[in-house]
Every structure is written in structure tokens, then in C-alpha cells.
Protein backbone atom coordinates (compact mmCIF):
# COMPACT_ATOMS: atom_id res chain seq x y z
CA MET A 1 72.02 -4.87 16.15
CA ALA A 2 71.33 -3.21 19.52
CA ARG A 3 67.86 -3.57 20.94
CA ARG A 4 65.72 -0.45 20.55
CA THR A 5 64.25 1.21 23.59
CA LYS A 6 61.65 3.07 21.51
CA VAL A 7 59.93 1.57 18.49
CA THR A 8 58.24 3.72 15.86
CA ALA A 9 55.06 2.62 14.12
CA ARG A 10 57.07 2.17 10.90
CA GLN A 11 59.61 -0.09 12.60
CA ALA A 12 56.83 -2.10 14.22
CA ARG A 13 55.08 -2.41 10.84
CA LEU A 14 58.19 -3.90 9.22
CA GLY A 15 58.32 -6.53 11.93
CA THR A 16 54.61 -7.22 11.58
CA GLU A 17 54.91 -7.76 7.83
CA LEU A 18 57.83 -10.16 8.30
CA ARG A 19 55.77 -12.09 10.84
CA LYS A 20 52.83 -12.25 8.41
CA LEU A 21 55.12 -13.70 5.72
CA ARG A 22 56.47 -16.27 8.17
CA GLU A 23 53.01 -17.33 9.28
CA ALA A 24 51.82 -17.56 5.67
CA ALA A 25 54.75 -19.91 5.03
CA GLY A 26 53.64 -22.07 7.97
CA LEU A 27 56.88 -21.65 9.92
CA LYS A 28 57.41 -21.23 13.67
CA GLY A 29 59.55 -18.42 15.01
CA ARG A 30 62.30 -20.83 16.02
CA GLU A 31 62.38 -22.31 12.51
CA ALA A 32 62.77 -18.84 10.98
CA ALA A 33 65.47 -18.03 13.51
CA ALA A 34 67.39 -21.15 12.51
CA LEU A 35 67.31 -20.01 8.89
CA LEU A 36 69.11 -16.83 9.95
CA GLY A 37 71.50 -18.63 12.29
CA THR A 38 70.07 -16.83 15.31
CA ASP A 39 67.75 -17.69 18.20
CA SER A 40 64.02 -17.34 18.86
CA ALA A 41 64.55 -14.34 21.14
CA GLN A 42 66.18 -12.26 18.42
CA MET A 43 63.61 -13.38 15.87
CA SER A 44 60.89 -12.21 18.23
CA GLN A 45 62.66 -8.87 18.63
CA ILE A 46 62.84 -8.44 14.85
CA GLU A 47 59.14 -9.17 14.48
CA PHE A 48 58.22 -6.75 17.29
CA GLY A 49 60.45 -4.06 15.81
CA THR A 50 62.68 -3.85 18.87
CA ALA A 51 65.64 -5.06 16.80
CA GLY A 52 66.63 -3.91 13.34
CA VAL A 53 67.12 -6.24 10.40
CA SER A 54 69.55 -5.94 7.51
CA GLU A 55 68.71 -5.96 3.81
CA ALA A 56 70.41 -9.35 3.43
CA ARG A 57 68.27 -10.85 6.18
CA VAL A 58 65.05 -9.42 4.77
CA ARG A 59 65.84 -10.95 1.38
CA ARG A 60 66.88 -14.25 2.94
CA LEU A 61 63.68 -14.48 4.97
CA ALA A 62 61.56 -13.59 1.93
CA ALA A 63 63.24 -16.37 -0.06
CA HIS A 64 62.74 -18.93 2.71
CA TYR A 65 59.13 -17.82 3.07
CA SER A 66 58.62 -18.38 -0.68
CA CYS A 67 57.50 -14.77 -1.12
CA THR A 68 57.39 -13.94 -4.84
CA ASP A 69 55.95 -10.42 -4.46
CA THR A 70 59.04 -8.51 -5.57
CA ASP A 71 57.42 -5.09 -5.05
CA LEU A 72 56.60 -5.99 -1.45
CA ILE A 73 60.12 -7.32 -0.85
CA GLU A 74 61.70 -4.13 -2.20
CA ALA A 75 59.36 -2.02 -0.04
CA LEU A 76 60.32 -4.03 3.06
CA VAL A 77 64.01 -3.66 2.22
CA ALA A 78 63.51 0.11 1.92
CA MET A 79 61.85 0.15 5.34
CA ALA A 80 64.67 -1.89 6.86
CA THR A 81 67.50 0.22 5.43
CA ASP A 82 66.00 3.71 5.70
CA ARG A 83 68.15 5.89 7.96
CA THR A 84 66.38 9.19 7.30
CA ARG A 85 66.21 11.52 10.27
CA GLY A 86 62.87 13.23 9.78
CA TRP A 87 61.83 16.66 11.06
CA TRP A 88 59.32 14.96 13.38
CA GLU A 89 62.19 13.62 15.48
CA ASP A 90 62.70 17.18 16.75
CA TYR A 91 59.57 16.54 18.84
CA GLN A 92 60.82 13.34 20.48
CA GLY A 93 60.01 13.57 24.17
CA LYS A 94 57.97 16.73 23.61
CA LEU A 95 54.84 15.33 21.97
CA PRO A 96 53.05 11.98 22.36
CA THR A 97 54.52 9.23 20.17
CA PRO A 98 51.48 8.99 17.82
CA PHE A 99 52.18 12.57 16.64
CA LEU A 100 55.62 11.50 15.47
CA ASP A 101 54.36 8.23 13.99
CA ILE A 102 51.69 9.99 11.92
CA ALA A 103 54.20 12.51 10.55
CA GLU A 104 56.60 9.67 9.61
CA LEU A 105 53.75 7.70 8.05
CA GLU A 106 52.75 10.68 5.89
CA HIS A 107 56.36 11.37 4.90
CA HIS A 108 56.65 7.88 3.39
CA ALA A 109 53.09 7.70 2.00
CA ALA A 110 52.43 7.37 -1.71
CA TYR A 111 49.09 9.18 -1.29
CA ARG A 112 46.68 10.30 1.46
CA LEU A 113 42.92 10.09 1.88
CA ASP A 114 40.83 11.75 4.59
CA MET A 115 37.18 11.53 5.61
CA GLU A 116 36.02 14.05 8.21
CA PHE A 117 32.55 14.89 9.46
CA LEU A 118 33.02 17.31 12.38
CA ASN A 119 36.43 18.94 11.85
CA ILE A 120 38.45 20.17 8.90
CA PRO A 121 41.13 17.51 8.17
CA GLY A 122 44.41 18.27 9.90
CA LEU A 123 46.40 18.68 6.67
CA LEU A 124 43.97 21.41 5.53
CA GLN A 125 43.82 23.34 8.80
CA THR A 126 45.07 26.89 9.25
CA GLU A 127 47.19 27.76 12.26
CA ASP A 128 44.33 29.59 14.00
CA TYR A 129 41.90 26.73 13.39
CA ALA A 130 44.39 24.15 14.71
CA ARG A 131 45.06 26.30 17.78
CA ALA A 132 41.33 26.51 18.49
CA VAL A 133 41.07 22.71 18.23
CA PHE A 134 43.96 22.04 20.60
CA SER A 135 42.87 24.80 23.01
CA TYR A 136 39.56 23.03 23.57
CA ARG A 137 41.22 19.98 25.08
CA VAL A 138 40.17 18.90 28.57
CA PRO A 139 42.15 19.14 30.75
CA GLU A 140 43.56 22.27 29.16
CA LEU A 141 47.09 21.98 27.82
CA PRO A 142 49.88 24.32 28.95
CA ALA A 143 50.47 27.10 26.41
CA ASP A 144 53.84 25.65 25.37
CA ASP A 145 52.29 22.24 24.67
CA THR A 146 49.56 23.82 22.55
CA ASP A 147 52.19 25.76 20.61
CA LEU A 148 54.13 22.55 19.92
CA ARG A 149 51.03 20.74 18.67
CA VAL A 150 50.10 23.60 16.36
CA GLU A 151 53.66 23.91 15.05
CA HIS A 152 53.83 20.15 14.42
CA ARG A 153 50.51 20.19 12.55
CA MET A 154 51.62 23.07 10.36
CA ARG A 155 54.84 21.25 9.47
CA ARG A 156 52.87 18.15 8.49
CA ARG A 157 51.21 20.15 5.71
CA ALA A 158 54.42 19.94 3.65
CA VAL A 159 53.31 16.56 2.28
CA ILE A 160 50.51 18.24 0.31
CA GLU A 161 51.83 21.79 -0.05
CA GLY A 162 55.54 21.31 -0.65
CA PRO A 163 57.50 20.66 -3.86
CA ALA A 164 57.20 16.90 -3.30
CA ALA A 165 53.45 16.99 -2.64
CA ILE A 166 51.72 13.61 -2.76
CA PRO A 167 48.21 13.03 -4.17
CA TYR A 168 45.67 13.96 -1.50
CA GLU A 169 41.90 13.59 -1.41
CA ALA A 170 39.57 14.75 1.36
CA VAL A 171 35.87 14.14 1.76
CA ILE A 172 34.41 16.66 4.21
CA HIS A 173 30.87 16.85 5.54
CA GLU A 174 29.05 20.16 5.49
CA ALA A 175 28.89 19.99 9.30
CA ALA A 176 32.68 20.30 9.52
CA LEU A 177 32.61 23.28 7.18
CA ARG A 178 29.90 25.06 9.17
CA ILE A 179 31.02 24.43 12.76
CA ARG A 180 32.88 27.51 13.97
CA VAL A 181 35.77 25.95 15.81
CA GLY A 182 37.17 29.45 16.27
CA ASP A 183 35.57 32.85 15.69
CA ARG A 184 33.99 34.12 12.47
CA ALA A 185 37.29 35.41 11.07
CA THR A 186 38.97 32.06 11.77
CA ALA A 187 36.12 30.18 10.07
CA ARG A 188 36.24 32.43 7.01
CA ALA A 189 40.01 32.13 6.71
CA GLN A 190 39.76 28.35 7.09
CA LEU A 191 37.25 27.99 4.26
CA SER A 192 39.36 30.26 2.06
CA HIS A 193 42.41 28.12 2.81
CA VAL A 194 40.58 24.93 1.83
CA LEU A 195 39.48 26.60 -1.42
CA GLU A 196 43.03 27.72 -2.18
CA LEU A 197 44.49 24.28 -1.58
CA SER A 198 41.76 22.60 -3.63
CA GLN A 199 43.10 24.40 -6.71
CA ALA A 200 46.34 22.40 -6.58
CA ASP A 201 46.66 19.56 -9.07
CA SER A 202 47.53 17.10 -6.31
CA VAL A 203 44.63 18.04 -3.99
CA THR A 204 41.00 16.98 -4.38
CA VAL A 205 38.32 18.17 -1.98
CA ARG A 206 34.78 16.80 -2.02
CA VAL A 207 31.82 17.83 0.11
CA ILE A 208 28.90 15.85 1.52
CA PRO A 209 25.97 18.27 1.93
CA PHE A 210 23.39 18.05 4.71
CA ASP A 211 20.59 17.46 2.21
CA LEU A 212 22.07 14.22 0.83
CA ASP A 213 19.40 11.55 1.22
CA GLY A 214 20.17 8.20 2.81
CA PHE A 215 23.62 9.03 4.15
CA GLY A 216 24.51 6.84 7.13
CA GLY A 217 28.29 6.99 6.96
CA ALA A 218 29.05 9.79 9.40
CA TRP A 219 30.69 7.29 11.79
CA SER A 220 33.49 6.52 9.35
CA THR A 221 36.05 9.29 9.99
CA MET A 222 39.48 8.03 8.92
CA MET A 223 42.95 8.93 7.75
CA TYR A 224 44.25 6.59 5.04
CA ALA A 225 47.91 6.52 4.01
CA GLY A 226 48.89 4.61 0.89
CA GLY A 227 52.07 2.57 1.17
CA ALA A 228 54.65 1.73 -1.48
CA VAL A 229 52.42 -1.31 -2.17
CA ALA A 230 48.80 -1.83 -1.15
CA LYS A 231 49.73 -4.36 1.53
CA LEU A 232 51.62 -1.59 3.33
CA ASP A 233 48.72 0.85 3.42
CA THR A 234 47.69 2.11 6.87
CA VAL A 235 44.50 3.51 8.35
CA VAL A 236 44.74 5.75 11.40
CA ARG A 237 41.70 5.92 13.66
CA ASP A 238 41.11 7.96 16.80
CA VAL A 239 39.96 5.58 19.53
CA THR A 240 38.57 7.61 22.44
CA ALA A 241 39.42 5.14 25.19
CA ASN A 242 42.80 3.96 23.90
CA GLY A 243 44.23 6.81 21.85
CA THR A 244 45.31 6.43 18.22
CA ALA A 245 45.04 3.07 16.44
CA PHE A 246 47.07 2.09 13.37
CA VAL A 247 45.16 -0.47 11.30
CA ASP A 248 47.16 -2.69 8.92
CA SER A 249 45.30 -5.98 8.39
CA GLU A 250 44.59 -6.63 4.71
CA ALA A 251 40.91 -7.39 5.33
CA GLN A 252 40.33 -4.13 7.23
CA LEU A 253 42.34 -2.09 4.73
CA GLY A 254 40.23 -3.48 1.91
CA ALA A 255 37.06 -2.62 3.80
CA PHE A 256 38.25 0.94 4.44
CA ARG A 257 39.22 1.42 0.79
CA THR A 258 35.75 0.27 -0.25
CA LEU A 259 34.11 2.51 2.34
CA PHE A 260 36.07 5.55 1.17
CA ARG A 261 35.13 5.00 -2.46
CA LYS A 262 31.50 4.45 -1.45
CA ILE A 263 31.36 7.77 0.40
CA GLU A 264 33.39 9.49 -2.29
CA GLY A 265 30.82 8.27 -4.80
CA VAL A 266 27.93 10.10 -3.13
CA SER A 267 29.85 13.34 -2.45
CA LEU A 268 29.78 16.40 -4.68
CA GLU A 269 32.21 16.55 -7.58
CA PRO A 270 35.31 18.74 -6.96
CA ASP A 271 34.04 21.74 -8.97
CA ARG A 272 30.64 21.65 -7.26
CA SER A 273 32.39 21.20 -3.91
CA ARG A 274 34.46 24.35 -4.49
CA ASP A 275 31.32 26.28 -5.39
CA PHE A 276 29.65 24.94 -2.26
CA ILE A 277 32.52 26.02 0.00
CA HIS A 278 32.70 29.40 -1.71
CA ARG A 279 29.00 30.00 -0.93
CA LEU A 280 29.51 29.04 2.70
CA ALA A 281 32.47 31.44 2.97
CA LYS A 282 30.36 34.30 1.58
CA GLU A 283 27.72 33.66 4.24
CA LEU A 284 30.22 34.36 7.04
């Protein structure tokens, strides 16, 4: 297969998982390459995602690596053979690559979890709220760039609002609900939108109130996307100095899952959370 000039996060993840299986089997790259009848350079390209890999080769590698996790193997085969052209590709060359990678990640996710403490989660944002967020960027974006970012964010909402909506849970701190990112009308409409979405069977919204004693978890903002199997889960973090980070190590994923459930456990139940948001909306 031809070498790719641009590698998506999903393509890179497939390569990473194949490398993890190889290393777990105690094999060097050149040894794995020999099993496929190729060279170390191509094996390296496969593991970096710069070269594609066929279903037959994925299955052959899994067998040589003594991988018996059939669910993982099938998930990797699906990643290797997927030729879907997603809507996010319309923004290629127009938006930074992480925007496209996040949309693709959500499209393939089995479920989504969010924890936010200062902003309403992106999937729950109204158009006016999202525009206010992007308009506050320094240096200021050109109007066309802001429009593209808002449009892209609105299209992402299909994963929780569309006919094929996936299970979605958001834990939101009271601070995020109270901060007026836009004007009063924007804030009121945003809270009403969160309330409306929270009525859907696939959406769960929980609130952490200011008066919760002993809460020290406000540093833990995250976006968690569940994969076809747990080993393919991904956490997306905003790293101020280096942009967006995609976390995929099993140890870190396990820690983030535990952290989410810990914070979920001290948040208000969904019904109480809706009542809480409704009261805040009436105050505006």
C-alpha cells in the first residue's frame, strides 16, 4: 500500500495497538516483518500508521503474536478495513487536524463520557454558546474560521442527537453552568438546551454543586470515548502548551475510568441535576 502523507489519530491508534501486541509477544520489528515477508521499514510504517495493513495481515500478526482476544482482533480488523468517508473530511485543510480526529473518534465510539468544570461540554453546546467560546480566542480568529469551528461543533452533536445516538454521560460543575460565556439570553438558552437533551434516554447529565464538601477534582476535565473493546478506549485532554493529547495506555485509561466514576459518585443524581439546572435557568 502507498505511504500516507497524513495520518489520522485512528490510523495511528491501529498501528500503536499492533506494536503493543508485538512487544507483548517479545518480538522485534524485524522479526514481525519477516513473518509478513516484508522488511523492517514497512513494518515500522504500519506501526506508525503511515502505511495501511490488510485484514489478512492483521489476522496473521495476531496469530503470530499469540493474541487470543478475539474481540480485540475483530476490532482491529474493522479499523484496518474501514473505508468510510466521514463528514469531518470536508474540513480537511480548513481546521486543525485534532478537530477532525475528535469527530472521527466520536463517530466510531461505543459511548462518550465528559467531565467539565468551566465550560458546557462541546456536545451539549448551542450555536451561540460555541460561537462565544471560539470568539474569545487570542489572537482572535478570522470570522470565516470561527464560522467553520462553530459549524463543525454543531455537526459533532449528531452522535448524541441523531437516530444512531450513542450513550452519553456528562458531569458538569455548577461553575460551568453559571459562567455567562455569552450574554444572558445565550446563557438561558444554553441551560434550556442542556435540560432538553437530558430528557433523552441515551443522555445522562449530572451536576456537581458548589456546596459539595471535600471536592478536589476540578483539575480532571476530560473527554472519554469508549472503543469497540475497552483496550481501544481513548481519553482526549487539552494540553495548553502542546495542544490536544490522545491518551491510550491501558494504565492511564483505567485511572481515568476510575476517576470518572469517583466524581460521578459524588455528583447529583440525574433528576436532582435537572431540577438544579432548571432553578439556575429561572434565575437568569
